[in-house]
Amino acid sequence: MSSSDLSPSTPAFLRDGGSGPVAPVTRRFALLAPFALAACGFTPAYGPGGSAGKLTETIWVQDPLDKNAFDLVERLEERLGRPENIRYDLAYTITTESVGVGITSDNKITRYNLKGVVDYTLTERATGARVTGGRVQSFTAYSATGSTVAGLAAEEDAGLRLMRILADQIVARLIAASASLP
């Protein structure tokens, strides 16, 4: 097949003879990849016998005291399940900061970055021993243009998005540590 036989909509890696960075996935590879993963000891975290099962419905998250904490706890319980057989306690501290990043020529801020940090500690309830912990951080942004009500709604939405991002990071780290949990 020559390059003149290909249409302009053909991907570049096929037009240049397949020497590009992306190789097409063969059927054989797609069929054999799961066996290769199983042979190396890979087990899905949420699969049967997966390490994330130790966390599901076993973590009591510290009671929220403000809107950000409420949004964080809501997402954690959404991902980990509401605690029924409590084995672990999760304590956290949330810090947020709003930084103006879009400034007009007359010194009005039109865009903000909302930065957030959560320090967390997972302890075993029976012994009180710290099992794991750490710090997660991220940011999101919102626009301050428009009416006051629109600006406040955008800020609240950015706070919700930030807490969901941080909660997802905490869950990912807890799952990564779950293989070594008692």
N, C-alpha and C. Protein backbone atom coordinates (compact mmCIF):
# COMPACT_ATOMS: atom_id res chain seq x y z
N MET A 1 0.85 -1.17 0.00
CA MET A 1 0.00 0.00 0.00
C MET A 1 0.89 1.23 0.00
N SER A 2 0.73 2.10 -0.95
CA SER A 2 1.55 3.30 -1.01
C SER A 2 0.83 4.44 -0.30
N SER A 3 1.59 5.49 0.03
CA SER A 3 1.01 6.62 0.73
C SER A 3 -0.02 7.35 -0.12
N SER A 4 0.03 7.17 -1.45
CA SER A 4 -0.95 7.82 -2.32
C SER A 4 -2.31 7.11 -2.26
N ASP A 5 -2.33 5.84 -1.77
CA ASP A 5 -3.58 5.10 -1.65
C ASP A 5 -4.36 5.48 -0.40
N LEU A 6 -3.74 6.19 0.52
CA LEU A 6 -4.37 6.52 1.79
C LEU A 6 -5.06 7.88 1.71
N SER A 7 -6.15 7.99 2.42
CA SER A 7 -6.88 9.26 2.44
C SER A 7 -6.25 10.22 3.44
N PRO A 8 -6.54 11.51 3.33
CA PRO A 8 -6.00 12.48 4.29
C PRO A 8 -6.48 12.22 5.72
N SER A 9 -7.59 11.52 5.88
CA SER A 9 -8.09 11.26 7.22
C SER A 9 -7.42 10.05 7.89
N THR A 10 -6.56 9.35 7.15
CA THR A 10 -5.83 8.21 7.71
C THR A 10 -4.86 8.73 8.76
N PRO A 11 -4.78 8.08 9.93
CA PRO A 11 -3.85 8.54 10.97
C PRO A 11 -2.42 8.61 10.46
N ALA A 12 -1.67 9.56 11.01
CA ALA A 12 -0.30 9.81 10.55
C ALA A 12 0.58 8.59 10.69
N PHE A 13 0.42 7.80 11.75
CA PHE A 13 1.32 6.65 11.93
C PHE A 13 1.08 5.58 10.87
N LEU A 14 -0.10 5.57 10.22
CA LEU A 14 -0.33 4.64 9.12
C LEU A 14 0.16 5.23 7.80
N ARG A 15 0.07 6.55 7.64
CA ARG A 15 0.51 7.19 6.40
C ARG A 15 2.01 7.08 6.23
N ASP A 16 2.76 7.12 7.35
CA ASP A 16 4.22 7.09 7.22
C ASP A 16 4.78 5.67 7.33
N GLY A 17 3.95 4.68 7.05
CA GLY A 17 4.43 3.30 7.01
C GLY A 17 4.44 2.61 8.35
N GLY A 18 3.76 3.19 9.35
CA GLY A 18 3.69 2.54 10.66
C GLY A 18 4.89 2.80 11.54
N SER A 19 5.74 3.74 11.17
CA SER A 19 6.93 4.00 11.97
C SER A 19 6.68 5.00 13.09
N GLY A 20 5.44 5.43 13.25
CA GLY A 20 5.12 6.40 14.30
C GLY A 20 5.12 5.76 15.68
N PRO A 21 4.83 6.52 16.71
CA PRO A 21 4.94 6.04 18.09
C PRO A 21 3.83 5.08 18.51
N VAL A 22 2.74 4.98 17.77
CA VAL A 22 1.62 4.14 18.17
C VAL A 22 1.53 2.95 17.24
N ALA A 23 1.58 1.75 17.83
CA ALA A 23 1.41 0.54 17.03
C ALA A 23 0.01 0.00 17.29
N PRO A 24 -0.65 -0.52 16.27
CA PRO A 24 -1.99 -1.04 16.48
C PRO A 24 -1.96 -2.26 17.40
N VAL A 25 -2.97 -2.41 18.25
CA VAL A 25 -3.07 -3.54 19.15
C VAL A 25 -3.59 -4.73 18.37
N THR A 26 -2.86 -5.83 18.45
CA THR A 26 -3.28 -7.03 17.75
C THR A 26 -4.27 -7.80 18.60
N ARG A 27 -5.03 -8.65 17.96
CA ARG A 27 -6.01 -9.47 18.67
C ARG A 27 -5.30 -10.43 19.64
N ARG A 28 -4.18 -10.96 19.20
CA ARG A 28 -3.41 -11.88 20.05
C ARG A 28 -2.97 -11.20 21.34
N PHE A 29 -2.47 -9.97 21.21
CA PHE A 29 -2.04 -9.23 22.40
C PHE A 29 -3.21 -9.00 23.34
N ALA A 30 -4.35 -8.60 22.81
CA ALA A 30 -5.53 -8.33 23.63
C ALA A 30 -6.00 -9.58 24.37
N LEU A 31 -5.87 -10.74 23.73
CA LEU A 31 -6.30 -11.98 24.37
C LEU A 31 -5.30 -12.49 25.40
N LEU A 32 -4.00 -12.23 25.20
CA LEU A 32 -2.98 -12.76 26.10
C LEU A 32 -2.61 -11.82 27.25
N ALA A 33 -2.94 -10.54 27.15
CA ALA A 33 -2.57 -9.58 28.18
C ALA A 33 -3.13 -9.94 29.57
N PRO A 34 -4.39 -10.35 29.70
CA PRO A 34 -4.89 -10.72 31.03
C PRO A 34 -4.11 -11.88 31.66
N PHE A 35 -3.68 -12.83 30.86
CA PHE A 35 -2.91 -13.96 31.39
C PHE A 35 -1.54 -13.50 31.89
N ALA A 36 -0.93 -12.56 31.17
CA ALA A 36 0.36 -12.03 31.60
C ALA A 36 0.22 -11.30 32.92
N LEU A 37 -0.86 -10.52 33.08
CA LEU A 37 -1.09 -9.82 34.35
C LEU A 37 -1.33 -10.81 35.49
N ALA A 38 -2.08 -11.86 35.24
CA ALA A 38 -2.36 -12.85 36.27
C ALA A 38 -1.08 -13.58 36.67
N ALA A 39 -0.22 -13.84 35.71
CA ALA A 39 1.02 -14.56 35.99
C ALA A 39 1.97 -13.75 36.86
N CYS A 40 1.90 -12.43 36.78
CA CYS A 40 2.80 -11.60 37.58
C CYS A 40 2.25 -11.34 38.97
N GLY A 41 1.10 -11.89 39.32
CA GLY A 41 0.55 -11.72 40.65
C GLY A 41 -0.44 -10.58 40.76
N PHE A 42 -0.78 -9.96 39.65
CA PHE A 42 -1.73 -8.84 39.67
C PHE A 42 -3.12 -9.35 40.03
N THR A 43 -3.76 -8.70 41.00
CA THR A 43 -5.16 -8.96 41.30
C THR A 43 -5.86 -7.62 41.39
N PRO A 44 -7.02 -7.50 40.81
CA PRO A 44 -7.74 -6.22 40.88
C PRO A 44 -8.07 -5.86 42.33
N ALA A 45 -7.90 -4.61 42.67
CA ALA A 45 -8.12 -4.16 44.05
C ALA A 45 -9.55 -4.44 44.50
N TYR A 46 -10.52 -4.25 43.61
CA TYR A 46 -11.92 -4.46 43.97
C TYR A 46 -12.42 -5.84 43.57
N GLY A 47 -11.55 -6.69 43.03
CA GLY A 47 -11.95 -8.03 42.61
C GLY A 47 -12.06 -8.97 43.81
N PRO A 48 -12.50 -10.20 43.56
CA PRO A 48 -12.58 -11.19 44.64
C PRO A 48 -11.21 -11.39 45.27
N GLY A 49 -11.12 -11.25 46.56
CA GLY A 49 -9.85 -11.39 47.26
C GLY A 49 -8.94 -10.19 47.12
N GLY A 50 -9.42 -9.11 46.49
CA GLY A 50 -8.62 -7.90 46.32
C GLY A 50 -8.42 -7.17 47.63
N SER A 51 -7.35 -6.43 47.73
CA SER A 51 -7.00 -5.76 48.99
C SER A 51 -7.96 -4.64 49.38
N ALA A 52 -8.68 -4.07 48.43
CA ALA A 52 -9.61 -2.98 48.75
C ALA A 52 -10.80 -3.47 49.55
N GLY A 53 -11.06 -4.77 49.53
CA GLY A 53 -12.16 -5.33 50.31
C GLY A 53 -12.00 -5.09 51.80
N LYS A 54 -10.75 -4.95 52.27
CA LYS A 54 -10.50 -4.67 53.68
C LYS A 54 -11.03 -3.29 54.08
N LEU A 55 -11.17 -2.41 53.10
CA LEU A 55 -11.56 -1.03 53.39
C LEU A 55 -13.06 -0.79 53.27
N THR A 56 -13.72 -1.59 52.45
CA THR A 56 -15.13 -1.36 52.17
C THR A 56 -15.96 -1.49 53.43
N GLU A 57 -16.67 -0.42 53.76
CA GLU A 57 -17.58 -0.32 54.91
C GLU A 57 -16.91 -0.58 56.25
N THR A 58 -15.59 -0.33 56.34
CA THR A 58 -14.88 -0.55 57.61
C THR A 58 -14.22 0.72 58.16
N ILE A 59 -14.34 1.84 57.44
CA ILE A 59 -13.65 3.07 57.87
C ILE A 59 -14.66 4.10 58.34
N TRP A 60 -14.51 4.52 59.59
CA TRP A 60 -15.31 5.62 60.12
C TRP A 60 -14.51 6.89 59.88
N VAL A 61 -15.09 7.82 59.15
CA VAL A 61 -14.43 9.08 58.82
C VAL A 61 -14.86 10.12 59.84
N GLN A 62 -13.90 10.88 60.33
CA GLN A 62 -14.14 11.94 61.30
C GLN A 62 -15.33 12.80 60.89
N ASP A 63 -16.17 13.17 61.85
CA ASP A 63 -17.36 13.98 61.56
C ASP A 63 -16.98 15.32 60.94
N PRO A 64 -17.70 15.75 59.92
CA PRO A 64 -17.41 17.04 59.28
C PRO A 64 -17.88 18.21 60.14
N LEU A 65 -17.11 19.30 60.10
CA LEU A 65 -17.46 20.49 60.86
C LEU A 65 -17.77 21.69 59.98
N ASP A 66 -17.51 21.60 58.68
CA ASP A 66 -17.80 22.71 57.77
C ASP A 66 -18.16 22.14 56.40
N LYS A 67 -18.45 23.01 55.46
CA LYS A 67 -18.90 22.60 54.12
C LYS A 67 -17.84 21.77 53.40
N ASN A 68 -16.58 22.21 53.43
CA ASN A 68 -15.53 21.45 52.76
C ASN A 68 -15.41 20.04 53.35
N ALA A 69 -15.43 19.95 54.67
CA ALA A 69 -15.31 18.65 55.32
C ALA A 69 -16.52 17.77 54.99
N PHE A 70 -17.70 18.36 54.93
CA PHE A 70 -18.90 17.61 54.56
C PHE A 70 -18.75 17.01 53.16
N ASP A 71 -18.28 17.84 52.22
CA ASP A 71 -18.10 17.36 50.84
C ASP A 71 -17.03 16.27 50.77
N LEU A 72 -15.95 16.41 51.54
CA LEU A 72 -14.90 15.40 51.57
C LEU A 72 -15.43 14.08 52.12
N VAL A 73 -16.11 14.13 53.26
CA VAL A 73 -16.64 12.92 53.89
C VAL A 73 -17.68 12.26 52.99
N GLU A 74 -18.52 13.06 52.35
CA GLU A 74 -19.53 12.51 51.45
C GLU A 74 -18.88 11.68 50.35
N ARG A 75 -17.82 12.22 49.75
CA ARG A 75 -17.13 11.50 48.67
C ARG A 75 -16.40 10.26 49.19
N LEU A 76 -15.77 10.37 50.35
CA LEU A 76 -15.09 9.21 50.93
C LEU A 76 -16.08 8.08 51.19
N GLU A 77 -17.24 8.41 51.74
CA GLU A 77 -18.24 7.38 52.01
C GLU A 77 -18.86 6.85 50.72
N GLU A 78 -18.92 7.69 49.72
CA GLU A 78 -19.41 7.24 48.41
C GLU A 78 -18.46 6.19 47.82
N ARG A 79 -17.17 6.40 47.98
CA ARG A 79 -16.17 5.49 47.43
C ARG A 79 -15.91 4.27 48.31
N LEU A 80 -15.94 4.46 49.64
CA LEU A 80 -15.58 3.37 50.55
C LEU A 80 -16.79 2.69 51.18
N GLY A 81 -17.95 3.27 51.04
CA GLY A 81 -19.16 2.73 51.66
C GLY A 81 -19.34 3.31 53.07
N ARG A 82 -20.61 3.35 53.50
CA ARG A 82 -20.89 3.83 54.86
C ARG A 82 -20.40 2.78 55.84
N PRO A 83 -19.78 3.19 56.94
CA PRO A 83 -19.20 2.22 57.87
C PRO A 83 -20.26 1.39 58.58
N GLU A 84 -20.11 0.07 58.52
CA GLU A 84 -21.00 -0.84 59.21
C GLU A 84 -20.22 -1.72 60.18
N ASN A 85 -19.07 -2.21 59.75
CA ASN A 85 -18.21 -3.03 60.59
C ASN A 85 -16.91 -2.25 60.78
N ILE A 86 -16.92 -1.29 61.69
CA ILE A 86 -15.82 -0.32 61.81
C ILE A 86 -14.56 -0.99 62.37
N ARG A 87 -13.49 -0.90 61.58
CA ARG A 87 -12.17 -1.40 62.01
C ARG A 87 -11.16 -0.27 62.08
N TYR A 88 -11.39 0.80 61.29
CA TYR A 88 -10.41 1.88 61.19
C TYR A 88 -11.10 3.23 61.38
N ASP A 89 -10.32 4.19 61.89
CA ASP A 89 -10.77 5.58 62.00
C ASP A 89 -9.89 6.43 61.08
N LEU A 90 -10.53 7.33 60.34
CA LEU A 90 -9.81 8.22 59.44
C LEU A 90 -9.97 9.65 59.95
N ALA A 91 -8.88 10.25 60.38
CA ALA A 91 -8.88 11.65 60.82
C ALA A 91 -8.23 12.48 59.72
N TYR A 92 -8.64 13.73 59.61
CA TYR A 92 -8.12 14.58 58.53
C TYR A 92 -8.11 16.03 58.98
N THR A 93 -7.29 16.81 58.29
CA THR A 93 -7.24 18.26 58.46
C THR A 93 -7.23 18.87 57.06
N ILE A 94 -8.15 19.79 56.81
CA ILE A 94 -8.27 20.41 55.48
C ILE A 94 -7.76 21.84 55.55
N THR A 95 -6.94 22.20 54.58
CA THR A 95 -6.48 23.58 54.43
C THR A 95 -6.75 24.02 53.00
N THR A 96 -7.41 25.16 52.83
CA THR A 96 -7.65 25.68 51.48
C THR A 96 -7.17 27.13 51.40
N GLU A 97 -6.85 27.53 50.20
CA GLU A 97 -6.40 28.89 49.95
C GLU A 97 -6.88 29.31 48.57
N SER A 98 -7.48 30.48 48.48
CA SER A 98 -7.93 31.02 47.21
C SER A 98 -6.92 32.07 46.74
N VAL A 99 -6.41 31.91 45.52
CA VAL A 99 -5.37 32.79 45.00
C VAL A 99 -5.87 33.41 43.70
N GLY A 100 -5.87 34.73 43.62
CA GLY A 100 -6.26 35.43 42.40
C GLY A 100 -5.21 35.24 41.33
N VAL A 101 -5.63 34.78 40.14
CA VAL A 101 -4.67 34.55 39.07
C VAL A 101 -4.98 35.34 37.80
N GLY A 102 -6.21 35.76 37.63
CA GLY A 102 -6.58 36.54 36.45
C GLY A 102 -6.87 37.97 36.88
N ILE A 103 -5.98 38.90 36.53
CA ILE A 103 -6.13 40.29 36.97
C ILE A 103 -6.21 41.19 35.74
N THR A 104 -7.23 42.05 35.73
CA THR A 104 -7.41 42.96 34.60
C THR A 104 -6.49 44.17 34.76
N SER A 105 -6.45 45.02 33.75
CA SER A 105 -5.59 46.20 33.79
C SER A 105 -6.01 47.20 34.87
N ASP A 106 -7.29 47.13 35.30
CA ASP A 106 -7.72 48.02 36.39
C ASP A 106 -7.74 47.28 37.74
N ASN A 107 -6.91 46.25 37.89
CA ASN A 107 -6.68 45.51 39.13
C ASN A 107 -7.91 44.80 39.68
N LYS A 108 -8.77 44.29 38.82
CA LYS A 108 -9.89 43.46 39.25
C LYS A 108 -9.53 42.00 38.99
N ILE A 109 -9.77 41.16 39.97
CA ILE A 109 -9.47 39.74 39.82
C ILE A 109 -10.66 39.07 39.14
N THR A 110 -10.38 38.36 38.07
CA THR A 110 -11.45 37.70 37.31
C THR A 110 -11.39 36.19 37.40
N ARG A 111 -10.30 35.64 37.92
CA ARG A 111 -10.15 34.18 38.01
C ARG A 111 -9.35 33.84 39.27
N TYR A 112 -9.79 32.78 39.93
CA TYR A 112 -9.14 32.32 41.15
C TYR A 112 -8.74 30.86 41.03
N ASN A 113 -7.62 30.51 41.63
CA ASN A 113 -7.25 29.11 41.84
C ASN A 113 -7.58 28.80 43.29
N LEU A 114 -8.25 27.70 43.52
CA LEU A 114 -8.56 27.25 44.87
C LEU A 114 -7.65 26.05 45.14
N LYS A 115 -6.66 26.27 46.02
CA LYS A 115 -5.71 25.21 46.35
C LYS A 115 -6.16 24.53 47.64
N GLY A 116 -5.98 23.22 47.70
CA GLY A 116 -6.38 22.48 48.88
C GLY A 116 -5.36 21.43 49.26
N VAL A 117 -5.22 21.23 50.58
CA VAL A 117 -4.34 20.22 51.14
C VAL A 117 -5.11 19.48 52.22
N VAL A 118 -5.02 18.16 52.21
CA VAL A 118 -5.62 17.36 53.27
C VAL A 118 -4.54 16.46 53.85
N ASP A 119 -4.31 16.60 55.16
CA ASP A 119 -3.45 15.68 55.90
C ASP A 119 -4.38 14.66 56.53
N TYR A 120 -4.08 13.38 56.38
CA TYR A 120 -4.97 12.35 56.90
C TYR A 120 -4.18 11.27 57.62
N THR A 121 -4.85 10.60 58.55
CA THR A 121 -4.26 9.49 59.30
C THR A 121 -5.30 8.40 59.46
N LEU A 122 -4.94 7.18 59.12
CA LEU A 122 -5.80 6.02 59.32
C LEU A 122 -5.25 5.24 60.50
N THR A 123 -6.10 5.03 61.51
CA THR A 123 -5.69 4.28 62.69
C THR A 123 -6.59 3.07 62.87
N GLU A 124 -6.00 2.02 63.43
CA GLU A 124 -6.79 0.83 63.74
C GLU A 124 -7.56 1.12 65.02
N ARG A 125 -8.86 0.92 64.97
CA ARG A 125 -9.71 1.28 66.10
C ARG A 125 -9.40 0.44 67.34
N ALA A 126 -9.14 -0.83 67.19
CA ALA A 126 -8.94 -1.73 68.33
C ALA A 126 -7.68 -1.38 69.12
N THR A 127 -6.61 -1.02 68.43
CA THR A 127 -5.34 -0.76 69.10
C THR A 127 -4.98 0.72 69.19
N GLY A 128 -5.59 1.54 68.34
CA GLY A 128 -5.25 2.96 68.28
C GLY A 128 -3.95 3.22 67.54
N ALA A 129 -3.39 2.17 66.93
CA ALA A 129 -2.12 2.31 66.20
C ALA A 129 -2.35 2.95 64.84
N ARG A 130 -1.43 3.84 64.48
CA ARG A 130 -1.48 4.46 63.16
C ARG A 130 -1.11 3.42 62.12
N VAL A 131 -1.97 3.24 61.13
CA VAL A 131 -1.76 2.25 60.08
C VAL A 131 -1.11 2.90 58.86
N THR A 132 -1.64 4.03 58.45
CA THR A 132 -1.08 4.77 57.32
C THR A 132 -1.56 6.21 57.41
N GLY A 133 -1.03 7.04 56.57
CA GLY A 133 -1.43 8.44 56.53
C GLY A 133 -0.60 9.18 55.50
N GLY A 134 -0.87 10.43 55.38
CA GLY A 134 -0.11 11.22 54.43
C GLY A 134 -0.78 12.54 54.12
N ARG A 135 -0.39 13.10 53.00
CA ARG A 135 -0.89 14.40 52.57
C ARG A 135 -1.22 14.32 51.09
N VAL A 136 -2.39 14.84 50.74
CA VAL A 136 -2.77 14.96 49.34
C VAL A 136 -3.04 16.43 49.06
N GLN A 137 -2.80 16.84 47.84
CA GLN A 137 -3.03 18.24 47.48
C GLN A 137 -3.40 18.36 46.02
N SER A 138 -4.18 19.37 45.72
CA SER A 138 -4.59 19.63 44.35
C SER A 138 -5.13 21.06 44.28
N PHE A 139 -5.63 21.42 43.12
CA PHE A 139 -6.25 22.73 42.97
C PHE A 139 -7.32 22.64 41.91
N THR A 140 -8.18 23.62 41.93
CA THR A 140 -9.17 23.81 40.88
C THR A 140 -9.34 25.31 40.71
N ALA A 141 -10.08 25.74 39.72
CA ALA A 141 -10.20 27.16 39.43
C ALA A 141 -11.65 27.53 39.20
N TYR A 142 -11.92 28.82 39.36
CA TYR A 142 -13.26 29.33 39.07
C TYR A 142 -13.17 30.78 38.63
N SER A 143 -14.20 31.21 37.92
CA SER A 143 -14.26 32.56 37.38
C SER A 143 -15.04 33.46 38.31
N ALA A 144 -14.58 34.68 38.46
CA ALA A 144 -15.26 35.65 39.32
C ALA A 144 -15.96 36.72 38.50
N THR A 145 -16.17 36.49 37.23
CA THR A 145 -16.86 37.47 36.41
C THR A 145 -18.36 37.25 36.54
N GLY A 146 -19.11 38.27 36.26
CA GLY A 146 -20.56 38.17 36.35
C GLY A 146 -21.05 38.75 37.68
N SER A 147 -22.23 38.33 38.07
CA SER A 147 -22.84 38.86 39.29
C SER A 147 -22.20 38.26 40.54
N THR A 148 -22.51 38.85 41.67
CA THR A 148 -22.01 38.35 42.96
C THR A 148 -22.52 36.94 43.22
N VAL A 149 -23.78 36.70 42.91
CA VAL A 149 -24.37 35.38 43.12
C VAL A 149 -23.67 34.34 42.24
N ALA A 150 -23.40 34.69 41.00
CA ALA A 150 -22.71 33.76 40.09
C ALA A 150 -21.30 33.47 40.59
N GLY A 151 -20.62 34.49 41.09
CA GLY A 151 -19.27 34.31 41.63
C GLY A 151 -19.27 33.40 42.85
N LEU A 152 -20.24 33.58 43.74
CA LEU A 152 -20.33 32.73 44.93
C LEU A 152 -20.68 31.29 44.56
N ALA A 153 -21.56 31.12 43.58
CA ALA A 153 -21.91 29.77 43.13
C ALA A 153 -20.71 29.09 42.49
N ALA A 154 -19.92 29.84 41.71
CA ALA A 154 -18.73 29.27 41.09
C ALA A 154 -17.70 28.88 42.14
N GLU A 155 -17.56 29.71 43.18
CA GLU A 155 -16.62 29.40 44.26
C GLU A 155 -17.06 28.14 45.02
N GLU A 156 -18.35 28.02 45.30
CA GLU A 156 -18.86 26.85 46.01
C GLU A 156 -18.67 25.58 45.16
N ASP A 157 -18.93 25.68 43.87
CA ASP A 157 -18.74 24.54 42.98
C ASP A 157 -17.27 24.13 42.92
N ALA A 158 -16.37 25.10 42.88
CA ALA A 158 -14.94 24.80 42.86
C ALA A 158 -14.53 24.09 44.15
N GLY A 159 -15.09 24.51 45.28
CA GLY A 159 -14.80 23.85 46.55
C GLY A 159 -15.26 22.40 46.55
N LEU A 160 -16.45 22.15 46.01
CA LEU A 160 -16.98 20.79 45.92
C LEU A 160 -16.08 19.93 45.03
N ARG A 161 -15.71 20.45 43.87
CA ARG A 161 -14.84 19.71 42.95
C ARG A 161 -13.49 19.40 43.60
N LEU A 162 -12.94 20.38 44.32
CA LEU A 162 -11.65 20.19 44.98
C LEU A 162 -11.73 19.10 46.04
N MET A 163 -12.78 19.09 46.84
CA MET A 163 -12.92 18.07 47.88
C MET A 163 -13.09 16.68 47.28
N ARG A 164 -13.77 16.59 46.17
CA ARG A 164 -13.94 15.29 45.50
C ARG A 164 -12.59 14.79 44.95
N ILE A 165 -11.82 15.69 44.39
CA ILE A 165 -10.49 15.33 43.88
C ILE A 165 -9.61 14.83 45.02
N LEU A 166 -9.60 15.57 46.13
CA LEU A 166 -8.77 15.20 47.27
C LEU A 166 -9.23 13.88 47.89
N ALA A 167 -10.54 13.67 47.99
CA ALA A 167 -11.07 12.42 48.54
C ALA A 167 -10.66 11.25 47.65
N ASP A 168 -10.74 11.43 46.33
CA ASP A 168 -10.34 10.36 45.41
C ASP A 168 -8.85 10.04 45.57
N GLN A 169 -8.02 11.04 45.80
CA GLN A 169 -6.60 10.80 46.02
C GLN A 169 -6.38 10.02 47.32
N ILE A 170 -7.12 10.37 48.36
CA ILE A 170 -7.00 9.65 49.64
C ILE A 170 -7.39 8.19 49.44
N VAL A 171 -8.50 7.93 48.76
CA VAL A 171 -8.95 6.56 48.53
C VAL A 171 -7.91 5.79 47.74
N ALA A 172 -7.33 6.40 46.72
CA ALA A 172 -6.30 5.72 45.93
C ALA A 172 -5.11 5.33 46.80
N ARG A 173 -4.71 6.21 47.68
CA ARG A 173 -3.58 5.90 48.56
C ARG A 173 -3.94 4.85 49.61
N LEU A 174 -5.16 4.90 50.10
CA LEU A 174 -5.60 3.87 51.05
C LEU A 174 -5.64 2.50 50.39
N ILE A 175 -6.12 2.45 49.16
CA ILE A 175 -6.14 1.18 48.43
C ILE A 175 -4.73 0.67 48.19
N ALA A 176 -3.82 1.57 47.85
CA ALA A 176 -2.42 1.17 47.64
C ALA A 176 -1.81 0.60 48.92
N ALA A 177 -2.20 1.14 50.07
CA ALA A 177 -1.67 0.68 51.35
C ALA A 177 -2.44 -0.49 51.92
N SER A 178 -3.59 -0.82 51.35
CA SER A 178 -4.48 -1.82 51.95
C SER A 178 -3.89 -3.22 51.97
N ALA A 179 -2.97 -3.53 51.09
CA ALA A 179 -2.39 -4.87 51.09
C ALA A 179 -1.62 -5.16 52.38
N SER A 180 -1.11 -4.12 53.03
CA SER A 180 -0.34 -4.31 54.25
C SER A 180 -1.14 -4.01 55.52
N LEU A 181 -2.45 -3.77 55.38
CA LEU A 181 -3.27 -3.46 56.56
C LEU A 181 -3.51 -4.71 57.40
N PRO A 182 -3.61 -4.53 58.72
CA PRO A 182 -3.90 -5.68 59.58
C PRO A 182 -5.32 -6.20 59.38
